[in-house]
Amino acid sequence: MPDLIHGHDWGEGSRPRVLVEAAEWQAREELSAVLRQQGFDTVSCPGPEGAGQRCRLAAGDGCDAAEEADVIVHALRSTDLRNVEALRAIRQRLPEVPVVVEAAAPDLGRRRTELDGCVVIEAPASPAALVEGVNRALASRRPAD
């Protein structure tokens, strides 16, 4: 099982930084590749489901990758409550960082409160929908207090 992010390297330059959270390696790589092709800098995390452990933010620890990201793409299933806890921790601890959530259509009504304020794209997201969602999130970014 992969570990949650403990160290990471953002590329040099001023490209927007996107943290991609997805449990499966292939999904992380596909999402990251689409974003890199569009000029974004990416770091990926398997999330609590993929790592088999609690999210560092939810546990009260810091997460440099999330704290330094311009946008977070949360493509983790809501069926694992650790993933839901991770999304809530991101929203509570990093309110200035916009979140793009990839969610299945049945989840949209059920998770309305939790998804409020997020840019939501329907799973499985097409490359165009992913890029458009990240661009919308960047446009909505609030400065840190």
C-alpha atoms as a PDB file:
ATOM      1  CA  MET A   1       0.000   0.000   0.000  1.00  0.00           C
ATOM      2  CA  PRO A   2       1.333   3.461  -0.858  1.00  0.00           C
ATOM      3  CA  ASP A   3       1.899   5.968   1.892  1.00  0.00           C
ATOM      4  CA  LEU A   4       0.175   9.294   2.160  1.00  0.00           C
ATOM      5  CA  ILE A   5       2.319  12.173   0.998  1.00  0.00           C
ATOM      6  CA  HIS A   6       5.101  12.942   3.466  1.00  0.00           C
ATOM      7  CA  GLY A   7       7.420  14.780   1.112  1.00  0.00           C
ATOM      8  CA  HIS A   8       6.767  16.181  -2.314  1.00  0.00           C
ATOM      9  CA  ASP A   9       8.366  18.314  -4.961  1.00  0.00           C
ATOM     10  CA  TRP A  10       6.493  20.971  -6.866  1.00  0.00           C
ATOM     11  CA  GLY A  11       8.155  21.927 -10.135  1.00  0.00           C
ATOM     12  CA  GLU A  12       9.993  25.173 -10.653  1.00  0.00           C
ATOM     13  CA  GLY A  13       8.104  28.119 -12.061  1.00  0.00           C
ATOM     14  CA  SER A  14       4.721  29.656 -11.665  1.00  0.00           C
ATOM     15  CA  ARG A  15       2.474  26.935 -13.032  1.00  0.00           C
ATOM     16  CA  PRO A  16      -0.699  26.336 -10.990  1.00  0.00           C
ATOM     17  CA  ARG A  17      -0.169  23.517  -8.464  1.00  0.00           C
ATOM     18  CA  VAL A  18      -2.793  20.787  -8.316  1.00  0.00           C
ATOM     19  CA  LEU A  19      -2.909  18.030  -5.712  1.00  0.00           C
ATOM     20  CA  VAL A  20      -4.630  14.973  -7.200  1.00  0.00           C
ATOM     21  CA  GLU A  21      -6.208  12.536  -4.720  1.00  0.00           C
ATOM     22  CA  ALA A  22      -7.263   9.153  -6.079  1.00  0.00           C
ATOM     23  CA  ALA A  23      -6.976   5.736  -4.456  1.00  0.00           C
ATOM     24  CA  GLU A  24      -5.806   3.798  -7.521  1.00  0.00           C
ATOM     25  CA  TRP A  25      -2.397   4.472  -9.037  1.00  0.00           C
ATOM     26  CA  GLN A  26      -3.728   4.388 -12.603  1.00  0.00           C
ATOM     27  CA  ALA A  27      -6.446   6.947 -11.833  1.00  0.00           C
ATOM     28  CA  ARG A  28      -3.914   9.267 -10.168  1.00  0.00           C
ATOM     29  CA  GLU A  29      -1.589   8.970 -13.162  1.00  0.00           C
ATOM     30  CA  GLU A  30      -4.348   9.550 -15.722  1.00  0.00           C
ATOM     31  CA  LEU A  31      -5.714  12.617 -13.946  1.00  0.00           C
ATOM     32  CA  SER A  32      -2.226  14.009 -13.366  1.00  0.00           C
ATOM     33  CA  ALA A  33      -1.179  13.420 -16.985  1.00  0.00           C
ATOM     34  CA  VAL A  34      -4.202  15.306 -18.320  1.00  0.00           C
ATOM     35  CA  LEU A  35      -3.436  18.242 -16.043  1.00  0.00           C
ATOM     36  CA  ARG A  36       0.303  18.255 -16.790  1.00  0.00           C
ATOM     37  CA  GLN A  37      -0.477  18.310 -20.532  1.00  0.00           C
ATOM     38  CA  GLN A  38      -2.487  21.469 -19.908  1.00  0.00           C
ATOM     39  CA  GLY A  39       0.390  23.171 -18.085  1.00  0.00           C
ATOM     40  CA  PHE A  40      -0.429  22.393 -14.456  1.00  0.00           C
ATOM     41  CA  ASP A  41       2.118  21.149 -11.923  1.00  0.00           C
ATOM     42  CA  THR A  42       0.799  18.070 -10.116  1.00  0.00           C
ATOM     43  CA  VAL A  43       1.496  15.991  -7.036  1.00  0.00           C
ATOM     44  CA  SER A  44      -0.637  12.953  -6.290  1.00  0.00           C
ATOM     45  CA  CYS A  45      -1.816  11.231  -3.143  1.00  0.00           C
ATOM     46  CA  PRO A  46      -3.605   7.883  -2.729  1.00  0.00           C
ATOM     47  CA  GLY A  47      -5.797   9.349  -0.004  1.00  0.00           C
ATOM     48  CA  PRO A  48      -6.719   7.364   3.071  1.00  0.00           C
ATOM     49  CA  GLU A  49      -8.421   4.613   1.084  1.00  0.00           C
ATOM     50  CA  GLY A  50      -5.426   3.986  -1.153  1.00  0.00           C
ATOM     51  CA  ALA A  51      -2.900   4.316   1.668  1.00  0.00           C
ATOM     52  CA  GLY A  52      -4.911   2.335   4.213  1.00  0.00           C
ATOM     53  CA  GLN A  53      -4.520   5.031   6.837  1.00  0.00           C
ATOM     54  CA  ARG A  54      -6.141   8.211   8.065  1.00  0.00           C
ATOM     55  CA  CYS A  55      -5.586  11.495   6.204  1.00  0.00           C
ATOM     56  CA  ARG A  56      -2.850  13.583   7.830  1.00  0.00           C
ATOM     57  CA  LEU A  57      -5.053  16.697   7.802  1.00  0.00           C
ATOM     58  CA  ALA A  58      -7.952  14.816   9.400  1.00  0.00           C
ATOM     59  CA  ALA A  59      -5.574  13.502  12.057  1.00  0.00           C
ATOM     60  CA  GLY A  60      -4.621  17.063  12.966  1.00  0.00           C
ATOM     61  CA  ASP A  61      -1.235  16.962  11.267  1.00  0.00           C
ATOM     62  CA  GLY A  62      -0.165  19.201   8.444  1.00  0.00           C
ATOM     63  CA  CYS A  63       0.029  18.260   4.796  1.00  0.00           C
ATOM     64  CA  ASP A  64       2.438  20.448   2.857  1.00  0.00           C
ATOM     65  CA  ALA A  65       1.139  19.203  -0.487  1.00  0.00           C
ATOM     66  CA  ALA A  66      -2.425  20.292   0.317  1.00  0.00           C
ATOM     67  CA  GLU A  67      -1.335  23.483   2.061  1.00  0.00           C
ATOM     68  CA  GLU A  68       0.809  24.553  -0.925  1.00  0.00           C
ATOM     69  CA  ALA A  69      -1.674  23.518  -3.636  1.00  0.00           C
ATOM     70  CA  ASP A  70      -3.612  26.052  -5.662  1.00  0.00           C
ATOM     71  CA  VAL A  71      -6.371  23.480  -6.256  1.00  0.00           C
ATOM     72  CA  ILE A  72      -7.122  20.012  -4.904  1.00  0.00           C
ATOM     73  CA  VAL A  73      -8.771  17.375  -7.094  1.00  0.00           C
ATOM     74  CA  HIS A  74     -10.575  14.935  -4.789  1.00  0.00           C
ATOM     75  CA  ALA A  75     -11.363  11.784  -6.789  1.00  0.00           C
ATOM     76  CA  LEU A  76     -11.863   9.495  -3.797  1.00  0.00           C
ATOM     77  CA  ARG A  77     -14.970   7.363  -3.278  1.00  0.00           C
ATOM     78  CA  SER A  78     -17.418   8.475  -0.606  1.00  0.00           C
ATOM     79  CA  THR A  79     -18.086   4.841   0.291  1.00  0.00           C
ATOM     80  CA  ASP A  80     -14.943   4.892   2.446  1.00  0.00           C
ATOM     81  CA  LEU A  81     -15.649   7.180   5.389  1.00  0.00           C
ATOM     82  CA  ARG A  82     -11.940   8.016   5.722  1.00  0.00           C
ATOM     83  CA  ASN A  83     -12.221   9.702   2.315  1.00  0.00           C
ATOM     84  CA  VAL A  84     -15.225  11.721   3.470  1.00  0.00           C
ATOM     85  CA  GLU A  85     -13.300  12.709   6.596  1.00  0.00           C
ATOM     86  CA  ALA A  86     -10.371  13.801   4.390  1.00  0.00           C
ATOM     87  CA  LEU A  87     -12.601  16.037   2.260  1.00  0.00           C
ATOM     88  CA  ARG A  88     -14.123  17.616   5.365  1.00  0.00           C
ATOM     89  CA  ALA A  89     -10.657  18.225   6.823  1.00  0.00           C
ATOM     90  CA  ILE A  90      -9.491  19.923   3.624  1.00  0.00           C
ATOM     91  CA  ARG A  91     -12.560  22.158   3.576  1.00  0.00           C
ATOM     92  CA  GLN A  92     -12.239  23.068   7.277  1.00  0.00           C
ATOM     93  CA  ARG A  93      -8.478  23.473   7.561  1.00  0.00           C
ATOM     94  CA  LEU A  94      -7.795  24.969   4.115  1.00  0.00           C
ATOM     95  CA  PRO A  95     -10.874  27.032   3.208  1.00  0.00           C
ATOM     96  CA  GLU A  96      -8.862  29.197   0.794  1.00  0.00           C
ATOM     97  CA  VAL A  97      -7.905  26.195  -1.364  1.00  0.00           C
ATOM     98  CA  PRO A  98     -10.635  25.344  -3.887  1.00  0.00           C
ATOM     99  CA  VAL A  99     -11.579  21.694  -4.277  1.00  0.00           C
ATOM    100  CA  VAL A 100     -12.715  19.904  -7.410  1.00  0.00           C
ATOM    101  CA  VAL A 101     -14.663  16.772  -6.464  1.00  0.00           C
ATOM    102  CA  GLU A 102     -15.198  13.961  -8.941  1.00  0.00           C
ATOM    103  CA  ALA A 103     -18.452  12.347  -7.812  1.00  0.00           C
ATOM    104  CA  ALA A 104     -20.768   9.728  -9.261  1.00  0.00           C
ATOM    105  CA  ALA A 105     -24.235  10.960 -10.167  1.00  0.00           C
ATOM    106  CA  PRO A 106     -25.964   9.039  -7.307  1.00  0.00           C
ATOM    107  CA  ASP A 107     -23.683  10.804  -4.796  1.00  0.00           C
ATOM    108  CA  LEU A 108     -24.603  14.314  -5.900  1.00  0.00           C
ATOM    109  CA  GLY A 109     -27.964  14.500  -4.114  1.00  0.00           C
ATOM    110  CA  ARG A 110     -26.797  12.537  -1.091  1.00  0.00           C
ATOM    111  CA  ARG A 111     -23.704  14.686  -0.541  1.00  0.00           C
ATOM    112  CA  ARG A 112     -25.189  18.108  -1.336  1.00  0.00           C
ATOM    113  CA  THR A 113     -24.097  19.777   1.927  1.00  0.00           C
ATOM    114  CA  GLU A 114     -20.647  18.255   1.830  1.00  0.00           C
ATOM    115  CA  LEU A 115     -20.130  19.299  -1.803  1.00  0.00           C
ATOM    116  CA  ASP A 116     -21.424  22.842  -1.331  1.00  0.00           C
ATOM    117  CA  GLY A 117     -18.662  25.247  -2.315  1.00  0.00           C
ATOM    118  CA  CYS A 118     -16.749  22.629  -4.313  1.00  0.00           C
ATOM    119  CA  VAL A 119     -16.511  22.461  -8.074  1.00  0.00           C
ATOM    120  CA  VAL A 120     -18.205  19.150  -8.828  1.00  0.00           C
ATOM    121  CA  ILE A 121     -17.511  17.110 -11.937  1.00  0.00           C
ATOM    122  CA  GLU A 122     -19.355  13.900 -12.674  1.00  0.00           C
ATOM    123  CA  ALA A 123     -17.386  10.658 -12.473  1.00  0.00           C
ATOM    124  CA  PRO A 124     -15.861   9.393 -14.553  1.00  0.00           C
ATOM    125  CA  ALA A 125     -14.697  12.821 -15.643  1.00  0.00           C
ATOM    126  CA  SER A 126     -13.595  13.380 -19.194  1.00  0.00           C
ATOM    127  CA  PRO A 127     -10.253  15.145 -19.662  1.00  0.00           C
ATOM    128  CA  ALA A 128     -12.113  18.263 -20.840  1.00  0.00           C
ATOM    129  CA  ALA A 129     -14.387  18.252 -17.770  1.00  0.00           C
ATOM    130  CA  LEU A 130     -11.401  17.816 -15.454  1.00  0.00           C
ATOM    131  CA  VAL A 131      -9.490  20.731 -16.976  1.00  0.00           C
ATOM    132  CA  GLU A 132     -12.599  22.922 -17.043  1.00  0.00           C
ATOM    133  CA  GLY A 133     -13.289  22.093 -13.380  1.00  0.00           C
ATOM    134  CA  VAL A 134      -9.743  22.950 -12.322  1.00  0.00           C
ATOM    135  CA  ASN A 135      -9.876  26.217 -14.280  1.00  0.00           C
ATOM    136  CA  ARG A 136     -13.215  27.124 -12.631  1.00  0.00           C
ATOM    137  CA  ALA A 137     -11.728  26.332  -9.222  1.00  0.00           C
ATOM    138  CA  LEU A 138      -8.697  28.516  -9.905  1.00  0.00           C
ATOM    139  CA  ALA A 139     -10.964  31.384 -10.967  1.00  0.00           C
ATOM    140  CA  SER A 140     -12.854  31.084  -7.669  1.00  0.00           C
ATOM    141  CA  ARG A 141      -9.766  30.934  -5.439  1.00  0.00           C
ATOM    142  CA  ARG A 142     -10.053  33.147  -2.388  1.00  0.00           C
ATOM    143  CA  PRO A 143      -6.886  34.713  -0.981  1.00  0.00           C
ATOM    144  CA  ALA A 144      -5.666  33.404   2.365  1.00  0.00           C
ATOM    145  CA  ASP A 145      -6.480  35.586   5.360  1.00  0.00           C
END
